[in-house]
Amino acid sequence: PFALHSYGLMLALAFGFGIWIASKRAPKRGVASNSIVDIAVASLLFGLGGGRVAYVITHWDEFEGRLLDIISPIQSDGTIGIAGLVLLGGVVAGFGGAYWMAKKRGASFLNVTDIMIPSLALGIAFGRIGCFMNGCCFGNVCDLPWAVVFPESSLAGSIYPHQHIHPTQIYESL
């Protein structure tokens, strides 16, 4: 009943490594490690919420007649889990969470962003590798030697079956 999806795993690794890196960078910029962890957790929670809201808005047709599936961990078809996040919504809301918690902790938001931006970049790289493994966020058909054919069970493979396409997720990770 429980599936561990590659995108979710990569997202968890992104947040874990990102928070660890930010907590190591924070004291060098005059912010306590525990404060930066609090700020990062707020950013994480806001980011997940914002990513979900952006997904629901941009995929509204998936939820017609099943509005509870937007927030329920047990979906109407019986599957367990909530799938669907949009990066931009997560980044915008994550910055909002970081701003709110930085102010609450008495830290300069600009200093906090200087500490956390490398973690954000790493997180995006990990997330895009998760997208690659999931077969979403893909490019167009091409004939380059590094082009990829995705399985038909993936979104990329269902749109471009048996065709070589740009691995744009890897481009962005690099």
N, C-alpha and C. Protein backbone atom coordinates (compact mmCIF):
# COMPACT_ATOMS: atom_id res chain seq x y z
N PRO A 1 0.81 -1.22 0.00
CA PRO A 1 0.00 0.00 0.00
C PRO A 1 0.84 1.27 0.00
N PHE A 2 2.15 1.14 0.24
CA PHE A 2 3.02 2.31 0.31
C PHE A 2 4.09 2.20 -0.76
N ALA A 3 4.14 3.17 -1.62
CA ALA A 3 5.17 3.20 -2.67
C ALA A 3 6.12 4.35 -2.40
N LEU A 4 7.40 4.09 -2.51
CA LEU A 4 8.41 5.14 -2.39
C LEU A 4 8.76 5.57 -3.81
N HIS A 5 8.35 6.77 -4.16
CA HIS A 5 8.56 7.28 -5.51
C HIS A 5 9.91 8.00 -5.59
N SER A 6 10.55 7.87 -6.73
CA SER A 6 11.88 8.46 -6.91
C SER A 6 11.85 9.97 -6.72
N TYR A 7 10.79 10.64 -7.20
CA TYR A 7 10.74 12.09 -7.04
C TYR A 7 10.66 12.46 -5.56
N GLY A 8 9.82 11.76 -4.81
CA GLY A 8 9.72 12.03 -3.37
C GLY A 8 11.02 11.78 -2.64
N LEU A 9 11.70 10.70 -3.01
CA LEU A 9 12.99 10.40 -2.41
C LEU A 9 14.00 11.50 -2.70
N MET A 10 14.06 11.94 -3.95
CA MET A 10 14.99 13.00 -4.31
C MET A 10 14.64 14.31 -3.60
N LEU A 11 13.37 14.58 -3.43
CA LEU A 11 12.94 15.78 -2.72
C LEU A 11 13.37 15.71 -1.25
N ALA A 12 13.20 14.54 -0.64
CA ALA A 12 13.62 14.37 0.76
C ALA A 12 15.13 14.54 0.89
N LEU A 13 15.89 13.95 -0.04
CA LEU A 13 17.35 14.13 -0.02
C LEU A 13 17.73 15.60 -0.21
N ALA A 14 17.02 16.27 -1.10
CA ALA A 14 17.29 17.69 -1.35
C ALA A 14 17.11 18.51 -0.08
N PHE A 15 15.99 18.30 0.60
CA PHE A 15 15.75 19.06 1.82
C PHE A 15 16.76 18.69 2.91
N GLY A 16 17.05 17.39 3.05
CA GLY A 16 17.99 16.97 4.08
C GLY A 16 19.38 17.56 3.88
N PHE A 17 19.92 17.40 2.67
CA PHE A 17 21.25 17.96 2.39
C PHE A 17 21.23 19.48 2.43
N GLY A 18 20.15 20.08 1.93
CA GLY A 18 20.05 21.54 1.92
C GLY A 18 20.07 22.12 3.32
N ILE A 19 19.29 21.53 4.22
CA ILE A 19 19.26 22.02 5.60
C ILE A 19 20.62 21.79 6.27
N TRP A 20 21.24 20.66 6.00
CA TRP A 20 22.55 20.38 6.58
C TRP A 20 23.59 21.41 6.10
N ILE A 21 23.61 21.69 4.80
CA ILE A 21 24.56 22.67 4.26
C ILE A 21 24.30 24.05 4.84
N ALA A 22 23.04 24.47 4.89
CA ALA A 22 22.71 25.79 5.43
C ALA A 22 23.11 25.90 6.90
N SER A 23 22.91 24.83 7.67
CA SER A 23 23.27 24.87 9.09
C SER A 23 24.78 24.95 9.28
N LYS A 24 25.54 24.42 8.35
CA LYS A 24 27.01 24.54 8.41
C LYS A 24 27.48 25.93 7.99
N ARG A 25 26.76 26.56 7.06
CA ARG A 25 27.13 27.90 6.57
C ARG A 25 26.70 29.02 7.52
N ALA A 26 25.65 28.78 8.29
CA ALA A 26 25.03 29.83 9.09
C ALA A 26 25.98 30.50 10.10
N PRO A 27 26.71 29.73 10.93
CA PRO A 27 27.57 30.39 11.93
C PRO A 27 28.62 31.32 11.31
N LYS A 28 29.09 31.00 10.10
CA LYS A 28 30.07 31.85 9.44
C LYS A 28 29.49 33.21 9.08
N ARG A 29 28.14 33.28 9.02
CA ARG A 29 27.46 34.54 8.67
C ARG A 29 26.71 35.11 9.88
N GLY A 30 27.04 34.63 11.07
CA GLY A 30 26.48 35.20 12.29
C GLY A 30 25.06 34.75 12.63
N VAL A 31 24.62 33.62 12.10
CA VAL A 31 23.29 33.09 12.42
C VAL A 31 23.48 31.74 13.08
N ALA A 32 22.79 31.54 14.20
CA ALA A 32 22.91 30.27 14.92
C ALA A 32 22.36 29.13 14.06
N SER A 33 23.02 27.97 14.15
CA SER A 33 22.60 26.81 13.35
C SER A 33 21.16 26.42 13.65
N ASN A 34 20.76 26.48 14.94
CA ASN A 34 19.39 26.09 15.26
C ASN A 34 18.38 27.07 14.69
N SER A 35 18.73 28.35 14.57
CA SER A 35 17.84 29.32 13.95
C SER A 35 17.68 29.05 12.46
N ILE A 36 18.78 28.71 11.80
CA ILE A 36 18.69 28.45 10.37
C ILE A 36 17.91 27.17 10.11
N VAL A 37 18.00 26.19 11.01
CA VAL A 37 17.19 24.98 10.87
C VAL A 37 15.71 25.32 11.00
N ASP A 38 15.36 26.17 11.98
CA ASP A 38 13.96 26.60 12.13
C ASP A 38 13.48 27.32 10.87
N ILE A 39 14.32 28.20 10.34
CA ILE A 39 13.97 28.95 9.13
C ILE A 39 13.81 27.99 7.95
N ALA A 40 14.73 27.03 7.84
CA ALA A 40 14.67 26.06 6.74
C ALA A 40 13.43 25.17 6.84
N VAL A 41 13.07 24.77 8.05
CA VAL A 41 11.87 23.94 8.22
C VAL A 41 10.62 24.74 7.85
N ALA A 42 10.56 26.00 8.26
CA ALA A 42 9.43 26.85 7.87
C ALA A 42 9.38 26.99 6.35
N SER A 43 10.55 27.19 5.74
CA SER A 43 10.62 27.29 4.28
C SER A 43 10.16 25.99 3.63
N LEU A 44 10.56 24.87 4.19
CA LEU A 44 10.15 23.55 3.69
C LEU A 44 8.63 23.39 3.74
N LEU A 45 8.04 23.68 4.88
CA LEU A 45 6.59 23.51 5.03
C LEU A 45 5.80 24.46 4.13
N PHE A 46 6.20 25.72 4.12
CA PHE A 46 5.54 26.68 3.23
C PHE A 46 5.75 26.27 1.77
N GLY A 47 6.98 25.82 1.46
CA GLY A 47 7.30 25.43 0.09
C GLY A 47 6.47 24.24 -0.39
N LEU A 48 6.31 23.24 0.47
CA LEU A 48 5.46 22.11 0.10
C LEU A 48 4.02 22.55 -0.13
N GLY A 49 3.54 23.41 0.76
CA GLY A 49 2.17 23.93 0.59
C GLY A 49 2.03 24.74 -0.68
N GLY A 50 2.98 25.62 -0.94
CA GLY A 50 2.92 26.45 -2.14
C GLY A 50 3.06 25.63 -3.41
N GLY A 51 3.93 24.62 -3.37
CA GLY A 51 4.09 23.74 -4.52
C GLY A 51 2.82 22.96 -4.81
N ARG A 52 2.13 22.56 -3.74
CA ARG A 52 0.87 21.83 -3.92
C ARG A 52 -0.22 22.74 -4.46
N VAL A 53 -0.34 23.95 -3.91
CA VAL A 53 -1.35 24.90 -4.38
C VAL A 53 -1.13 25.20 -5.86
N ALA A 54 0.12 25.44 -6.25
CA ALA A 54 0.41 25.73 -7.66
C ALA A 54 0.05 24.53 -8.55
N TYR A 55 0.31 23.32 -8.06
CA TYR A 55 -0.04 22.13 -8.84
C TYR A 55 -1.55 22.03 -9.02
N VAL A 56 -2.28 22.21 -7.93
CA VAL A 56 -3.74 22.09 -7.99
C VAL A 56 -4.31 23.14 -8.94
N ILE A 57 -3.81 24.36 -8.87
CA ILE A 57 -4.29 25.43 -9.76
C ILE A 57 -4.03 25.09 -11.22
N THR A 58 -2.85 24.57 -11.50
CA THR A 58 -2.47 24.29 -12.89
C THR A 58 -2.97 22.94 -13.40
N HIS A 59 -3.52 22.11 -12.52
CA HIS A 59 -4.05 20.79 -12.90
C HIS A 59 -5.46 20.61 -12.34
N TRP A 60 -6.23 21.67 -12.34
CA TRP A 60 -7.55 21.65 -11.70
C TRP A 60 -8.44 20.53 -12.22
N ASP A 61 -8.34 20.21 -13.51
CA ASP A 61 -9.19 19.17 -14.10
C ASP A 61 -8.99 17.81 -13.44
N GLU A 62 -7.82 17.56 -12.85
CA GLU A 62 -7.56 16.29 -12.16
C GLU A 62 -8.40 16.14 -10.89
N PHE A 63 -8.87 17.26 -10.34
CA PHE A 63 -9.54 17.23 -9.04
C PHE A 63 -11.04 17.47 -9.11
N GLU A 64 -11.56 17.69 -10.31
CA GLU A 64 -13.00 17.90 -10.45
C GLU A 64 -13.73 16.66 -9.96
N GLY A 65 -14.66 16.87 -9.03
CA GLY A 65 -15.42 15.77 -8.45
C GLY A 65 -14.66 15.00 -7.38
N ARG A 66 -13.42 15.39 -7.11
CA ARG A 66 -12.59 14.70 -6.11
C ARG A 66 -11.80 15.74 -5.31
N LEU A 67 -12.45 16.75 -4.82
CA LEU A 67 -11.74 17.86 -4.16
C LEU A 67 -10.97 17.42 -2.92
N LEU A 68 -11.46 16.41 -2.23
CA LEU A 68 -10.75 15.95 -1.03
C LEU A 68 -9.36 15.39 -1.37
N ASP A 69 -9.18 14.92 -2.60
CA ASP A 69 -7.87 14.39 -3.02
C ASP A 69 -6.79 15.47 -3.02
N ILE A 70 -7.19 16.73 -2.99
CA ILE A 70 -6.21 17.82 -2.94
C ILE A 70 -5.36 17.71 -1.68
N ILE A 71 -5.98 17.34 -0.56
CA ILE A 71 -5.26 17.32 0.72
C ILE A 71 -5.24 15.97 1.41
N SER A 72 -6.04 15.01 0.96
CA SER A 72 -6.14 13.73 1.64
C SER A 72 -4.98 12.80 1.29
N PRO A 73 -4.33 12.21 2.31
CA PRO A 73 -3.26 11.25 2.02
C PRO A 73 -3.80 9.92 1.48
N ILE A 74 -5.10 9.68 1.63
CA ILE A 74 -5.72 8.50 1.04
C ILE A 74 -6.61 9.00 -0.08
N GLN A 75 -6.21 8.73 -1.31
CA GLN A 75 -6.90 9.24 -2.48
C GLN A 75 -8.20 8.49 -2.73
N SER A 76 -9.09 9.08 -3.51
CA SER A 76 -10.40 8.48 -3.77
C SER A 76 -10.29 7.14 -4.51
N ASP A 77 -9.18 6.89 -5.20
CA ASP A 77 -9.00 5.61 -5.88
C ASP A 77 -8.33 4.56 -4.98
N GLY A 78 -8.08 4.92 -3.72
CA GLY A 78 -7.50 4.00 -2.75
C GLY A 78 -6.00 4.08 -2.60
N THR A 79 -5.32 4.80 -3.48
CA THR A 79 -3.87 4.92 -3.35
C THR A 79 -3.53 5.83 -2.17
N ILE A 80 -2.34 5.60 -1.64
CA ILE A 80 -1.88 6.38 -0.50
C ILE A 80 -0.82 7.35 -0.97
N GLY A 81 -0.98 8.61 -0.58
CA GLY A 81 -0.01 9.64 -0.94
C GLY A 81 -0.64 10.79 -1.68
N ILE A 82 0.06 11.88 -1.68
CA ILE A 82 -0.38 13.08 -2.39
C ILE A 82 0.68 13.38 -3.43
N ALA A 83 0.33 13.24 -4.69
CA ALA A 83 1.28 13.49 -5.77
C ALA A 83 0.98 14.83 -6.42
N GLY A 84 2.03 15.55 -6.78
CA GLY A 84 1.86 16.77 -7.54
C GLY A 84 2.34 18.01 -6.82
N LEU A 85 3.47 18.53 -7.27
CA LEU A 85 4.02 19.79 -6.77
C LEU A 85 4.54 20.56 -7.98
N VAL A 86 4.53 21.88 -7.88
CA VAL A 86 5.09 22.74 -8.92
C VAL A 86 6.23 23.54 -8.30
N LEU A 87 7.41 23.47 -8.91
CA LEU A 87 8.61 24.09 -8.37
C LEU A 87 8.42 25.58 -8.06
N LEU A 88 7.91 26.33 -9.00
CA LEU A 88 7.80 27.78 -8.81
C LEU A 88 6.93 28.13 -7.61
N GLY A 89 5.81 27.44 -7.46
CA GLY A 89 4.94 27.68 -6.30
C GLY A 89 5.66 27.37 -5.00
N GLY A 90 6.46 26.30 -5.02
CA GLY A 90 7.22 25.94 -3.83
C GLY A 90 8.30 26.94 -3.49
N VAL A 91 8.99 27.44 -4.50
CA VAL A 91 10.06 28.42 -4.25
C VAL A 91 9.48 29.73 -3.71
N VAL A 92 8.42 30.21 -4.33
CA VAL A 92 7.81 31.47 -3.88
C VAL A 92 7.30 31.35 -2.44
N ALA A 93 6.55 30.29 -2.17
CA ALA A 93 6.01 30.11 -0.81
C ALA A 93 7.14 29.81 0.18
N GLY A 94 8.16 29.08 -0.27
CA GLY A 94 9.30 28.80 0.60
C GLY A 94 10.03 30.06 1.02
N PHE A 95 10.18 31.01 0.09
CA PHE A 95 10.77 32.30 0.46
C PHE A 95 9.88 33.02 1.46
N GLY A 96 8.57 32.91 1.29
CA GLY A 96 7.65 33.51 2.26
C GLY A 96 7.83 32.92 3.64
N GLY A 97 7.94 31.60 3.72
CA GLY A 97 8.16 30.94 5.01
C GLY A 97 9.49 31.33 5.63
N ALA A 98 10.53 31.43 4.81
CA ALA A 98 11.85 31.83 5.31
C ALA A 98 11.81 33.26 5.82
N TYR A 99 11.12 34.13 5.09
CA TYR A 99 11.01 35.53 5.52
C TYR A 99 10.30 35.62 6.87
N TRP A 100 9.18 34.92 6.99
CA TRP A 100 8.39 34.95 8.22
C TRP A 100 9.22 34.45 9.41
N MET A 101 9.89 33.30 9.25
CA MET A 101 10.65 32.73 10.36
C MET A 101 11.92 33.54 10.65
N ALA A 102 12.55 34.09 9.63
CA ALA A 102 13.73 34.93 9.86
C ALA A 102 13.35 36.13 10.72
N LYS A 103 12.24 36.76 10.39
CA LYS A 103 11.79 37.91 11.20
C LYS A 103 11.46 37.47 12.63
N LYS A 104 10.83 36.30 12.76
CA LYS A 104 10.48 35.77 14.08
C LYS A 104 11.73 35.48 14.90
N ARG A 105 12.80 35.04 14.26
CA ARG A 105 14.06 34.72 14.94
C ARG A 105 15.00 35.93 15.04
N GLY A 106 14.61 37.07 14.48
CA GLY A 106 15.44 38.26 14.56
C GLY A 106 16.64 38.24 13.63
N ALA A 107 16.57 37.45 12.58
CA ALA A 107 17.67 37.35 11.62
C ALA A 107 17.37 38.21 10.40
N SER A 108 18.40 38.73 9.78
CA SER A 108 18.26 39.49 8.55
C SER A 108 17.86 38.54 7.42
N PHE A 109 16.75 38.86 6.76
CA PHE A 109 16.29 38.00 5.67
C PHE A 109 17.32 37.91 4.55
N LEU A 110 17.96 39.02 4.22
CA LEU A 110 18.96 38.98 3.15
C LEU A 110 20.16 38.12 3.53
N ASN A 111 20.56 38.18 4.79
CA ASN A 111 21.65 37.32 5.26
C ASN A 111 21.22 35.84 5.19
N VAL A 112 19.98 35.59 5.60
CA VAL A 112 19.45 34.22 5.56
C VAL A 112 19.42 33.70 4.12
N THR A 113 19.00 34.55 3.18
CA THR A 113 18.96 34.08 1.79
C THR A 113 20.38 33.81 1.28
N ASP A 114 21.35 34.62 1.69
CA ASP A 114 22.73 34.35 1.30
C ASP A 114 23.19 32.97 1.82
N ILE A 115 22.75 32.63 3.01
CA ILE A 115 23.11 31.34 3.60
C ILE A 115 22.42 30.20 2.85
N MET A 116 21.16 30.39 2.49
CA MET A 116 20.34 29.29 2.00
C MET A 116 20.32 29.11 0.48
N ILE A 117 20.73 30.11 -0.29
CA ILE A 117 20.64 30.00 -1.75
C ILE A 117 21.44 28.81 -2.30
N PRO A 118 22.65 28.51 -1.81
CA PRO A 118 23.31 27.30 -2.33
C PRO A 118 22.49 26.03 -2.07
N SER A 119 21.81 25.98 -0.93
CA SER A 119 20.94 24.84 -0.64
C SER A 119 19.77 24.78 -1.61
N LEU A 120 19.23 25.93 -1.95
CA LEU A 120 18.13 25.97 -2.93
C LEU A 120 18.61 25.45 -4.28
N ALA A 121 19.78 25.89 -4.70
CA ALA A 121 20.32 25.43 -5.98
C ALA A 121 20.53 23.91 -5.97
N LEU A 122 21.09 23.40 -4.89
CA LEU A 122 21.28 21.95 -4.76
C LEU A 122 19.93 21.24 -4.75
N GLY A 123 18.96 21.82 -4.06
CA GLY A 123 17.63 21.23 -4.00
C GLY A 123 16.97 21.16 -5.36
N ILE A 124 17.13 22.19 -6.15
CA ILE A 124 16.56 22.18 -7.50
C ILE A 124 17.26 21.10 -8.33
N ALA A 125 18.56 20.97 -8.18
CA ALA A 125 19.29 19.93 -8.93
C ALA A 125 18.78 18.54 -8.55
N PHE A 126 18.64 18.27 -7.25
CA PHE A 126 18.13 16.98 -6.80
C PHE A 126 16.70 16.78 -7.31
N GLY A 127 15.88 17.81 -7.21
CA GLY A 127 14.50 17.72 -7.65
C GLY A 127 14.38 17.41 -9.13
N ARG A 128 15.23 18.01 -9.92
CA ARG A 128 15.18 17.75 -11.37
C ARG A 128 15.67 16.35 -11.71
N ILE A 129 16.59 15.82 -10.92
CA ILE A 129 16.96 14.42 -11.12
C ILE A 129 15.75 13.53 -10.81
N GLY A 130 15.00 13.90 -9.77
CA GLY A 130 13.76 13.20 -9.47
C GLY A 130 12.77 13.31 -10.62
N CYS A 131 12.69 14.47 -11.25
CA CYS A 131 11.83 14.64 -12.43
C CYS A 131 12.28 13.72 -13.56
N PHE A 132 13.58 13.63 -13.76
CA PHE A 132 14.12 12.75 -14.79
C PHE A 132 13.71 11.30 -14.50
N MET A 133 13.87 10.88 -13.26
CA MET A 133 13.52 9.51 -12.89
C MET A 133 12.01 9.27 -13.00
N ASN A 134 11.24 10.32 -12.85
CA ASN A 134 9.78 10.23 -12.93
C ASN A 134 9.27 10.36 -14.37
N GLY A 135 10.10 10.93 -15.24
CA GLY A 135 9.68 11.12 -16.63
C GLY A 135 8.78 12.31 -16.83
N CYS A 136 8.95 13.33 -16.00
CA CYS A 136 8.17 14.56 -16.16
C CYS A 136 9.13 15.72 -16.45
N CYS A 137 8.58 16.88 -16.75
CA CYS A 137 9.37 18.09 -17.00
C CYS A 137 10.42 17.85 -18.10
N PHE A 138 10.01 17.27 -19.20
CA PHE A 138 10.90 16.80 -20.25
C PHE A 138 10.97 17.77 -21.41
N GLY A 139 11.90 17.50 -22.31
CA GLY A 139 12.12 18.35 -23.48
C GLY A 139 11.44 17.81 -24.72
N ASN A 140 11.84 18.35 -25.85
CA ASN A 140 11.28 17.98 -27.15
C ASN A 140 12.10 16.89 -27.82
N VAL A 141 11.57 16.38 -28.89
CA VAL A 141 12.23 15.36 -29.69
C VAL A 141 13.55 15.91 -30.23
N CYS A 142 14.57 15.08 -30.22
CA CYS A 142 15.87 15.48 -30.78
C CYS A 142 16.62 14.24 -31.24
N ASP A 143 17.72 14.44 -31.94
CA ASP A 143 18.52 13.31 -32.40
C ASP A 143 19.95 13.37 -31.88
N LEU A 144 20.14 14.01 -30.75
CA LEU A 144 21.47 14.10 -30.15
C LEU A 144 21.87 12.76 -29.53
N PRO A 145 23.16 12.50 -29.41
CA PRO A 145 23.59 11.20 -28.89
C PRO A 145 23.16 10.94 -27.43
N TRP A 146 22.92 11.99 -26.66
CA TRP A 146 22.53 11.82 -25.27
C TRP A 146 21.01 11.91 -25.07
N ALA A 147 20.26 11.94 -26.15
CA ALA A 147 18.80 11.97 -26.04
C ALA A 147 18.31 10.70 -25.34
N VAL A 148 17.14 10.80 -24.74
CA VAL A 148 16.62 9.72 -23.90
C VAL A 148 15.26 9.26 -24.43
N VAL A 149 15.02 7.96 -24.35
CA VAL A 149 13.70 7.39 -24.62
C VAL A 149 13.12 6.98 -23.28
N PHE A 150 12.00 7.60 -22.90
CA PHE A 150 11.36 7.30 -21.63
C PHE A 150 10.38 6.15 -21.78
N PRO A 151 10.15 5.39 -20.72
CA PRO A 151 9.14 4.33 -20.79
C PRO A 151 7.75 4.91 -21.07
N GLU A 152 6.93 4.14 -21.77
CA GLU A 152 5.60 4.62 -22.10
C GLU A 152 4.73 4.86 -20.87
N SER A 153 5.11 4.27 -19.75
CA SER A 153 4.34 4.47 -18.51
C SER A 153 4.59 5.85 -17.90
N SER A 154 5.63 6.55 -18.35
CA SER A 154 5.90 7.90 -17.86
C SER A 154 5.16 8.92 -18.71
N LEU A 155 5.02 10.13 -18.19
CA LEU A 155 4.37 11.18 -18.95
C LEU A 155 5.13 11.46 -20.25
N ALA A 156 6.46 11.56 -20.15
CA ALA A 156 7.27 11.82 -21.34
C ALA A 156 7.09 10.71 -22.37
N GLY A 157 7.12 9.46 -21.92
CA GLY A 157 6.97 8.32 -22.82
C GLY A 157 5.58 8.20 -23.41
N SER A 158 4.58 8.69 -22.68
CA SER A 158 3.22 8.61 -23.22
C SER A 158 2.99 9.69 -24.29
N ILE A 159 3.68 10.80 -24.17
CA ILE A 159 3.54 11.87 -25.17
C ILE A 159 4.47 11.63 -26.36
N TYR A 160 5.68 11.14 -26.09
CA TYR A 160 6.65 10.85 -27.15
C TYR A 160 7.05 9.37 -27.08
N PRO A 161 6.13 8.46 -27.39
CA PRO A 161 6.48 7.03 -27.28
C PRO A 161 7.58 6.63 -28.26
N HIS A 162 8.58 5.92 -27.73
CA HIS A 162 9.68 5.38 -28.53
C HIS A 162 10.47 6.46 -29.28
N GLN A 163 10.42 7.69 -28.80
CA GLN A 163 11.15 8.78 -29.45
C GLN A 163 12.23 9.31 -28.51
N HIS A 164 13.33 9.73 -29.10
CA HIS A 164 14.43 10.32 -28.34
C HIS A 164 14.09 11.78 -28.07
N ILE A 165 14.23 12.18 -26.79
CA ILE A 165 13.94 13.57 -26.42
C ILE A 165 15.07 14.13 -25.56
N HIS A 166 15.11 15.45 -25.51
CA HIS A 166 16.09 16.14 -24.67
C HIS A 166 15.84 15.82 -23.20
N PRO A 167 16.90 15.44 -22.46
CA PRO A 167 16.75 15.26 -21.01
C PRO A 167 16.91 16.61 -20.29
N THR A 168 15.94 17.48 -20.47
CA THR A 168 16.05 18.84 -19.94
C THR A 168 16.21 18.86 -18.42
N GLN A 169 15.71 17.82 -17.75
CA GLN A 169 15.85 17.76 -16.30
C GLN A 169 17.34 17.67 -15.92
N ILE A 170 18.09 16.90 -16.68
CA ILE A 170 19.52 16.77 -16.42
C ILE A 170 20.24 18.07 -16.77
N TYR A 171 19.84 18.72 -17.86
CA TYR A 171 20.44 20.02 -18.20
C TYR A 171 20.29 20.99 -17.03
N GLU A 172 19.09 21.05 -16.47
CA GLU A 172 18.87 21.99 -15.37
C GLU A 172 19.66 21.59 -14.13
N SER A 173 19.77 20.30 -13.87
CA SER A 173 20.56 19.85 -12.72
C SER A 173 22.02 20.26 -12.86
N LEU A 174 22.52 20.12 -14.06
CA LEU A 174 23.93 20.51 -14.28
C LEU A 174 24.09 22.01 -14.17
